[in-house]
Protein backbone atom coordinates (compact mmCIF):
# COMPACT_ATOMS: atom_id res chain seq x y z
CA MET A 1 0.00 0.00 0.00
CA SER A 2 1.18 3.48 -0.73
CA SER A 3 -0.49 6.33 -2.58
CA ARG A 4 -3.55 4.15 -3.19
CA LEU A 5 -4.97 5.49 0.09
CA LEU A 6 -4.94 9.06 -1.04
CA GLU A 7 -6.07 8.16 -4.52
CA ASN A 8 -9.08 6.36 -3.09
CA SER A 9 -9.86 9.41 -0.97
CA GLY A 10 -10.45 11.31 -4.20
CA GLU A 11 -13.41 9.16 -5.12
CA ASP A 12 -15.36 12.19 -6.33
CA SER A 13 -12.41 14.41 -7.19
CA GLY A 14 -11.08 12.86 -10.36
CA PHE A 15 -7.71 11.85 -8.92
CA VAL A 16 -7.54 9.12 -11.55
CA SER A 17 -7.75 10.75 -14.96
CA GLY A 18 -10.30 9.72 -17.54
CA HIS A 19 -8.12 7.81 -20.00
CA ARG A 20 -10.01 4.69 -20.99
CA PHE A 21 -9.01 1.12 -21.61
CA SER A 22 -11.21 -0.37 -24.31
CA ASP A 23 -11.50 -4.11 -24.85
CA ALA A 24 -10.75 -5.60 -28.22
CA VAL A 25 -10.90 -9.21 -29.30
CA ASN A 26 -8.18 -11.01 -31.14
CA SER A 27 -8.44 -11.93 -34.80
CA LYS A 28 -10.36 -15.13 -34.03
CA SER A 29 -13.30 -13.42 -32.35
CA SER A 30 -15.61 -10.46 -32.84
CA ALA A 31 -17.36 -10.66 -29.48
CA PRO A 32 -18.65 -7.34 -28.13
CA LEU A 33 -17.24 -5.76 -25.01
CA GLY A 34 -18.58 -7.50 -21.93
CA ALA A 35 -19.34 -10.77 -23.71
CA GLY A 36 -17.50 -14.04 -23.75
CA ILE A 37 -15.81 -15.55 -26.76
CA GLU A 38 -17.95 -15.26 -29.89
CA GLY A 39 -20.67 -13.52 -27.87
CA GLN A 40 -21.33 -16.47 -25.58
CA PRO A 41 -22.00 -15.96 -21.84
CA PHE A 42 -19.06 -15.85 -19.48
CA PRO A 43 -17.83 -19.22 -18.26
CA GLN A 44 -18.38 -20.28 -14.67
CA SER A 45 -14.64 -20.58 -14.18
CA ALA A 46 -11.73 -18.27 -15.03
CA ARG A 47 -8.19 -19.04 -16.08
CA ILE A 48 -6.85 -16.02 -14.22
CA ALA A 49 -8.24 -14.32 -11.11
CA ILE A 50 -6.90 -10.85 -10.38
CA ILE A 51 -6.90 -9.53 -6.82
CA ALA A 52 -6.48 -5.82 -6.14
CA ALA A 53 -7.04 -3.83 -2.99
CA MET A 54 -9.07 -0.89 -4.33
CA GLU A 55 -11.12 -0.43 -7.50
CA ARG A 56 -9.39 2.88 -8.16
CA GLU A 57 -6.11 1.06 -8.76
CA VAL A 58 -7.60 -0.83 -11.69
CA ALA A 59 -10.37 1.55 -12.81
CA PRO A 60 -8.98 2.12 -16.34
CA LEU A 61 -8.85 -1.65 -16.85
CA ILE A 62 -12.32 -2.70 -15.69
CA ARG A 63 -14.41 -0.06 -17.44
CA GLY A 64 -16.84 -2.04 -19.56
CA TRP A 65 -16.16 -5.39 -17.87
CA LYS A 66 -19.18 -7.39 -16.80
CA VAL A 67 -19.80 -6.94 -13.06
CA ARG A 68 -21.87 -8.91 -10.58
CA THR A 69 -22.15 -9.15 -6.82
CA MET A 70 -21.00 -12.22 -4.93
CA GLU A 71 -21.00 -13.07 -1.24
CA HIS A 72 -18.44 -14.92 0.83
CA SER A 73 -18.33 -15.37 4.62
CA GLY A 74 -20.96 -12.68 5.13
CA ARG A 75 -19.24 -10.07 2.96
CA GLN A 76 -20.30 -8.89 -0.48
CA TYR A 77 -17.80 -8.30 -3.28
CA ARG A 78 -18.08 -6.87 -6.77
CA LEU A 79 -16.67 -9.38 -9.23
CA PHE A 80 -15.55 -8.05 -12.62
CA GLU A 81 -15.31 -10.51 -15.52
CA ASN A 82 -14.00 -10.35 -19.06
CA GLY A 83 -13.42 -13.51 -21.07
CA GLU A 84 -11.42 -15.89 -18.91
CA ALA A 85 -10.28 -13.17 -16.49
CA ALA A 86 -12.03 -12.28 -13.25
CA LEU A 87 -11.10 -9.43 -10.90
CA ILE A 88 -12.01 -8.74 -7.29
CA CYS A 89 -11.05 -5.84 -5.01
CA GLY A 90 -10.72 -7.10 -1.47
CA GLY A 91 -9.52 -4.09 0.49
CA ILE A 92 -6.27 -2.92 2.03
CA GLY A 93 -4.02 -5.21 4.05
CA ALA A 94 -3.19 -8.88 4.48
CA GLU A 95 -6.42 -10.03 6.10
CA ALA A 96 -8.58 -8.36 3.47
CA ALA A 97 -6.40 -9.89 0.75
CA ARG A 98 -6.63 -13.33 2.35
CA ARG A 99 -10.43 -13.19 2.44
CA ALA A 100 -10.66 -11.97 -1.13
CA THR A 101 -8.33 -14.72 -2.34
CA GLU A 102 -10.44 -17.39 -0.70
CA ALA A 103 -13.63 -15.81 -2.07
CA VAL A 104 -12.52 -15.57 -5.69
CA ILE A 105 -11.00 -19.05 -5.77
CA ARG A 106 -14.24 -20.56 -4.48
CA GLU A 107 -16.30 -18.50 -6.90
CA VAL A 108 -14.46 -18.96 -10.22
CA SER A 109 -11.95 -21.82 -9.65
CA PRO A 110 -9.06 -20.10 -11.45
CA ALA A 111 -5.91 -21.79 -12.71
CA ARG A 112 -3.86 -18.81 -11.51
CA VAL A 113 -4.28 -15.91 -9.10
CA ILE A 114 -2.33 -12.67 -9.51
CA SER A 115 -1.96 -9.93 -6.93
CA VAL A 116 -2.00 -6.50 -8.58
CA GLY A 117 -1.79 -3.00 -7.16
CA PHE A 118 0.52 -0.26 -5.99
CA ALA A 119 3.88 -0.67 -4.25
CA GLY A 120 6.53 1.55 -2.74
CA ALA A 121 10.04 1.43 -4.16
CA LEU A 122 12.87 0.17 -1.98
CA ASP A 123 15.35 0.34 -4.86
CA GLY A 124 16.23 3.93 -5.67
CA SER A 125 16.33 3.16 -9.38
CA LEU A 126 12.61 2.32 -9.50
CA ARG A 127 10.53 5.36 -10.39
CA VAL A 128 6.82 6.08 -10.19
CA GLY A 129 5.00 4.18 -12.93
CA HIS A 130 7.52 1.35 -13.15
CA VAL A 131 5.74 -2.01 -13.13
CA PHE A 132 7.46 -4.70 -11.12
CA GLU A 133 6.86 -8.42 -11.64
CA PRO A 134 8.65 -10.10 -8.72
CA ARG A 135 10.18 -13.53 -8.83
CA THR A 136 9.98 -13.86 -5.03
CA VAL A 137 7.40 -12.56 -2.54
CA ILE A 138 8.27 -12.43 1.17
CA ASN A 139 5.90 -11.94 4.08
CA ALA A 140 7.64 -9.61 6.52
CA ALA A 141 5.37 -10.83 9.32
CA ASP A 142 6.74 -14.38 9.36
CA GLY A 143 9.49 -14.52 6.74
CA ALA A 144 7.54 -16.93 4.52
CA ARG A 145 8.76 -16.89 0.92
CA THR A 146 6.85 -17.64 -2.26
CA GLU A 147 8.81 -18.36 -5.43
CA VAL A 148 6.76 -17.26 -8.43
CA GLY A 149 8.84 -18.97 -11.11
CA SER A 150 8.96 -15.95 -13.42
CA GLY A 151 9.79 -12.27 -13.13
CA GLU A 152 12.77 -10.91 -11.23
CA GLY A 153 13.61 -9.38 -7.88
CA ILE A 154 11.95 -9.53 -4.48
CA LEU A 155 8.71 -7.96 -3.25
CA VAL A 156 8.18 -7.80 0.51
CA SER A 157 4.72 -7.43 2.06
CA SER A 158 4.49 -5.27 5.18
CA ALA A 159 1.68 -5.05 7.71
CA THR A 160 1.65 -1.24 7.53
CA ALA A 161 2.23 1.49 4.97
CA ALA A 162 6.01 1.87 4.69
CA GLY A 163 7.46 5.32 5.23
CA LYS A 164 10.93 6.35 4.11
CA GLU A 165 12.75 4.96 7.16
CA GLN A 166 10.87 1.66 7.09
CA LYS A 167 11.64 1.29 3.39
CA VAL A 168 15.35 1.48 4.16
CA ARG A 169 15.02 -1.21 6.86
CA LEU A 170 12.97 -3.53 4.65
CA GLY A 171 15.32 -3.14 1.73
CA LYS A 172 18.33 -4.06 3.87
CA ALA A 173 16.58 -6.91 5.72
CA TYR A 174 15.17 -8.70 2.68
CA GLY A 175 17.15 -7.44 -0.30
CA ALA A 176 13.78 -6.44 -1.75
CA SER A 177 13.13 -3.98 -4.56
CA ALA A 178 9.59 -2.97 -3.55
CA VAL A 179 7.08 -3.20 -0.71
CA ASP A 180 3.31 -3.71 -0.67
CA MET A 181 0.75 -4.94 1.87
CA GLU A 182 -1.19 -7.73 0.16
CA ALA A 183 0.86 -9.90 -2.20
CA ALA A 184 2.19 -12.32 0.42
CA ALA A 185 -1.30 -13.01 1.78
CA VAL A 186 -2.60 -13.65 -1.75
CA ALA A 187 0.36 -15.94 -2.45
CA GLN A 188 -0.17 -17.97 0.71
CA GLY A 189 -3.92 -18.21 0.08
CA ALA A 190 -3.34 -19.44 -3.47
CA GLN A 191 -0.73 -21.97 -2.37
CA ALA A 192 -3.03 -23.36 0.32
CA ARG A 193 -5.58 -24.14 -2.39
CA GLY A 194 -3.16 -25.47 -5.00
CA VAL A 195 -3.54 -22.49 -7.34
CA GLU A 196 -0.67 -20.88 -9.27
CA PHE A 197 0.38 -17.40 -8.15
CA GLY A 198 1.81 -14.29 -9.79
CA ALA A 199 2.13 -10.58 -8.99
CA LEU A 200 2.27 -7.25 -10.80
CA LYS A 201 2.93 -4.08 -8.83
CA ALA A 202 3.18 -0.50 -10.07
CA ILE A 203 5.47 1.84 -8.16
CA SER A 204 3.43 4.70 -6.75
CA ASP A 205 5.98 6.22 -4.37
CA ALA A 206 9.74 6.39 -4.83
CA ALA A 207 12.19 5.11 -2.24
CA ASP A 208 12.89 8.59 -0.88
CA PHE A 209 9.24 9.67 -0.72
CA SER A 210 7.81 10.31 2.75
CA LEU A 211 4.22 9.12 3.08
CA PRO A 212 1.85 10.78 5.55
CA ALA A 213 0.51 8.54 8.31
CA MET A 214 -2.44 6.69 6.79
CA ASP A 215 -2.87 3.37 8.57
CA ARG A 216 -5.37 4.76 11.08
CA PHE A 217 -7.78 5.53 8.24
CA VAL A 218 -7.97 1.87 7.16
CA ALA A 219 -10.97 0.04 8.61
CA ASP A 220 -10.89 -3.53 9.89
CA ASP A 221 -12.48 -4.78 6.67
CA GLY A 222 -9.78 -3.16 4.54
CA SER A 223 -11.87 -0.20 3.37
CA PHE A 224 -10.51 3.33 3.57
CA HIS A 225 -12.16 6.20 5.47
CA SER A 226 -11.74 8.73 2.68
CA VAL A 227 -13.79 11.53 4.23
CA ARG A 228 -11.90 11.35 7.51
CA PHE A 229 -8.60 11.38 5.67
CA ALA A 230 -9.64 14.34 3.51
CA CYS A 231 -10.63 16.30 6.62
CA HIS A 232 -7.34 15.35 8.27
CA VAL A 233 -5.35 16.68 5.31
CA ALA A 234 -7.47 19.82 4.90
CA LEU A 235 -6.62 20.94 8.44
CA ARG A 236 -2.87 20.37 7.96
CA PRO A 237 -1.48 22.61 5.21
CA TRP A 238 1.96 21.04 5.49
CA LEU A 239 0.47 17.84 4.04
CA TRP A 240 -1.03 19.48 0.96
CA ARG A 241 2.05 19.26 -1.26
CA THR A 242 2.61 15.61 -0.37
CA THR A 243 -1.06 14.88 -0.91
CA MET A 244 -1.05 16.40 -4.39
CA ALA A 245 2.12 14.51 -5.29
CA LEU A 246 0.48 11.27 -4.18
CA ALA A 247 -2.54 12.05 -6.35
CA ARG A 248 -0.34 12.50 -9.42
CA ASN A 249 1.62 9.36 -8.59
CA SER A 250 -1.58 7.36 -8.19
CA SER A 251 -2.86 8.30 -11.61
CA LYS A 252 0.44 7.46 -13.27
CA ALA A 253 0.77 4.17 -11.41
CA SER A 254 -2.81 3.15 -12.14
CA HIS A 255 -2.46 3.55 -15.89
CA ALA A 256 0.92 1.83 -15.93
CA LEU A 257 -0.48 -1.05 -13.88
CA CYS A 258 -3.53 -1.50 -16.09
CA GLY A 259 -1.41 -1.50 -19.22
CA ALA A 260 0.81 -4.16 -17.69
CA VAL A 261 -2.18 -6.31 -16.73
CA VAL A 262 -3.48 -6.11 -20.30
CA SER A 263 -0.09 -7.29 -21.55
CA TYR A 264 0.02 -10.03 -18.93
CA LEU A 265 -3.40 -11.34 -19.87
CA GLY A 266 -2.53 -11.22 -23.53
CA ARG A 267 0.65 -13.17 -22.89
CA GLU A 268 -1.06 -15.80 -20.78
CA ASN A 269 -4.27 -16.15 -22.79
CA ARG A 270 -3.14 -15.69 -26.38
CA SER A 271 -3.53 -19.36 -27.18
CA SER A 272 -7.06 -19.54 -25.74
CA GLY A 273 -8.60 -16.75 -27.84
CA THR A 274 -9.93 -14.68 -24.95
CA LEU A 275 -10.59 -10.95 -24.90
CA GLN A 276 -7.63 -8.64 -24.58
CA GLY A 277 -7.69 -5.01 -23.53
CA THR A 278 -6.04 -2.15 -25.35
CA VAL A 279 -5.38 1.44 -24.41
CA ALA A 280 -7.72 3.82 -26.15
CA THR A 281 -6.08 6.86 -27.68
């Protein structure tokens, strides 16, 4: 987690710009947006399930995707579907990610689960908008490691939003390039159910960027108290510049992430003839 918190607080403020991702089919299909292959209904299972924390992180991607409501363990989720891809936003933090992973696996029985979202850079060479596909994911809470089998570098998942000083400690302790809050929980949930795992993370704050304190605005269910956070910032002028920088970073990271997910799905699903997204100009 990083600038996603601020970006979500701008739910009605246009913090994520209006560039659209349109869906196009490959040469073997002319199915309309929101339909399955050759216009047939969506299958009951998905090859790839995508787990994000907040819808705002993936908003450019899921515009036009079919959406329905599902329930798991007393909680309702919005499930977005397009071809053989399904996407769920579970909330911020490890517990929210764990619940969402369990929910989407039970609902669509995917062959693979990927954790997508924002991350903070621990490597000074990684800039905002860089998309990181880690080869290894480490849970900082217990040291558990998940080897992805592709990608490169290490992503470490922290229980809290990592400020500048914590980034330095995590980078030294784990040799990691980036930090998030959910990937390790998704990885462990997928492994427990015998499902393949992958991760894509867009850098939304550089290694030397100081985040404002945000953890207290995250509810137990992983949702973010955007109004409370907005009021908090409004009364503290010294946070305004940081807040605006986070907003810009969020927009850049979101579009980079969504473009990378489109490429990932195209790479994984090319042989199956499923829908692939493209960036509208």
